[in-house]
Amino acid sequence: MKKLIITLSFTIAFFVLWHSAIASATELSNGAKIFNANCSACHVGGKNVIINSKTLKKDALERYGMYSLDAIKLQVTNGKNSMPAFKSRLNSAQIEDVAAFVLNQANKGW
């Protein structure tokens, strides 16, 4: 019985992790599409054509307190300074996906 419970627990854990990986890949794919359609005019390749120092590269995100999913979502949602708010153009799932994409790209070095 104990062996069955352990096997079942590992099976469930594997399924949950596998499903999460698939969801992440889907989110990143959606995030890339959303980024390309809405953000790339100013942030192509993780750069910033308006304010050169405020790129989407990891070091800049860290320097400006933007190196988290929540911080990026807040910025995309509400905008700030030269960046417009996207809350009226993107729904919360789209904002989540684009934020995940940006953070993933920052970690990869764009």
Protein backbone atom coordinates (compact mmCIF):
# COMPACT_ATOMS: atom_id res chain seq x y z
CA MET A 1 0.00 0.00 0.00
CA LYS A 2 2.81 2.40 0.94
CA LYS A 3 4.57 1.66 -2.36
CA LEU A 4 1.36 2.38 -4.27
CA ILE A 5 0.92 5.75 -2.54
CA ILE A 6 4.53 6.72 -3.28
CA THR A 7 4.19 5.69 -6.93
CA LEU A 8 0.92 7.56 -7.25
CA SER A 9 2.46 10.67 -5.65
CA PHE A 10 5.39 10.63 -8.08
CA THR A 11 3.04 10.13 -11.02
CA ILE A 12 0.90 13.09 -9.99
CA ALA A 13 3.99 15.27 -9.39
CA PHE A 14 5.39 14.34 -12.81
CA PHE A 15 2.09 15.14 -14.53
CA VAL A 16 1.82 18.52 -12.78
CA LEU A 17 5.41 19.48 -13.69
CA TRP A 18 4.98 18.27 -17.28
CA HIS A 19 1.73 20.20 -17.66
CA SER A 20 3.36 23.35 -16.20
CA ALA A 21 6.21 23.11 -18.72
CA ILE A 22 3.73 22.91 -21.59
CA ALA A 23 1.78 25.88 -20.25
CA SER A 24 4.99 27.88 -19.91
CA ALA A 25 5.95 27.16 -23.51
CA THR A 26 2.49 28.26 -24.64
CA GLU A 27 2.65 31.40 -22.51
CA LEU A 28 6.07 32.28 -23.94
CA SER A 29 4.87 31.69 -27.49
CA ASN A 30 1.81 33.88 -26.89
CA GLY A 31 3.97 36.44 -25.12
CA ALA A 32 6.32 36.62 -28.11
CA LYS A 33 3.41 37.28 -30.46
CA ILE A 34 1.97 39.95 -28.19
CA PHE A 35 5.40 41.55 -27.73
CA ASN A 36 6.03 41.64 -31.47
CA ALA A 37 2.61 43.19 -32.15
CA ASN A 38 2.62 45.77 -29.33
CA CYS A 39 6.09 46.34 -27.88
CA SER A 40 8.75 45.73 -30.51
CA ALA A 41 8.43 49.19 -32.10
CA CYS A 42 10.11 50.65 -28.99
CA HIS A 43 11.74 47.53 -27.53
CA VAL A 44 13.09 45.55 -30.49
CA GLY A 45 15.70 43.08 -29.26
CA GLY A 46 15.16 44.18 -25.68
CA LYS A 47 16.38 47.70 -26.39
CA ASN A 48 14.57 50.98 -25.74
CA VAL A 49 14.47 53.48 -28.60
CA ILE A 50 13.02 56.24 -26.38
CA ILE A 51 15.33 56.05 -23.32
CA ASN A 52 18.48 54.12 -24.22
CA SER A 53 19.41 53.20 -20.65
CA LYS A 54 16.01 51.69 -19.78
CA THR A 55 16.28 48.51 -21.80
CA LEU A 56 14.64 45.17 -21.12
CA LYS A 57 18.01 43.57 -20.47
CA LYS A 58 18.44 41.85 -17.12
CA ASP A 59 20.92 44.36 -15.66
CA ALA A 60 18.68 47.33 -16.52
CA LEU A 61 15.58 45.59 -15.18
CA GLU A 62 17.43 44.91 -11.92
CA ARG A 63 18.82 48.47 -11.73
CA TYR A 64 15.36 50.02 -12.13
CA GLY A 65 13.50 47.58 -9.87
CA MET A 66 11.71 45.90 -12.76
CA TYR A 67 13.22 42.41 -12.55
CA SER A 68 10.07 40.53 -11.54
CA LEU A 69 6.94 39.29 -13.21
CA ASP A 70 4.78 41.53 -11.02
CA ALA A 71 6.80 44.67 -11.76
CA ILE A 72 6.70 44.04 -15.51
CA LYS A 73 2.96 43.32 -15.43
CA LEU A 74 2.34 46.54 -13.51
CA GLN A 75 4.41 48.56 -16.02
CA VAL A 76 2.66 47.01 -19.03
CA THR A 77 -0.76 47.46 -17.44
CA ASN A 78 -0.41 51.04 -16.25
CA GLY A 79 2.48 52.43 -18.27
CA LYS A 80 4.87 54.99 -16.84
CA ASN A 81 6.48 58.15 -18.19
CA SER A 82 7.00 57.58 -21.94
CA MET A 83 5.50 54.10 -21.92
CA PRO A 84 1.77 53.94 -22.57
CA ALA A 85 -0.62 51.80 -20.53
CA PHE A 86 -1.83 48.65 -22.25
CA LYS A 87 -4.70 47.81 -19.87
CA SER A 88 -7.26 48.90 -22.45
CA ARG A 89 -5.59 46.98 -25.30
CA LEU A 90 -4.52 43.73 -23.62
CA ASN A 91 -6.38 41.49 -21.21
CA SER A 92 -4.78 40.20 -18.00
CA ALA A 93 -3.76 36.86 -19.57
CA GLN A 94 -2.04 38.65 -22.45
CA ILE A 95 -0.23 40.95 -20.03
CA GLU A 96 0.86 37.93 -17.99
CA ASP A 97 2.16 36.20 -21.13
CA VAL A 98 4.08 39.22 -22.41
CA ALA A 99 5.60 39.80 -18.97
CA ALA A 100 6.72 36.14 -18.81
CA PHE A 101 8.22 36.51 -22.29
CA VAL A 102 10.12 39.67 -21.36
CA LEU A 103 11.51 38.12 -18.18
CA ASN A 104 12.47 34.94 -20.03
CA GLN A 105 14.22 36.93 -22.77
CA ALA A 106 16.05 39.04 -20.17
CA ASN A 107 17.31 35.85 -18.52
CA LYS A 108 18.47 34.56 -21.91
CA GLY A 109 20.21 37.82 -22.79
CA TRP A 110 17.80 38.73 -25.57
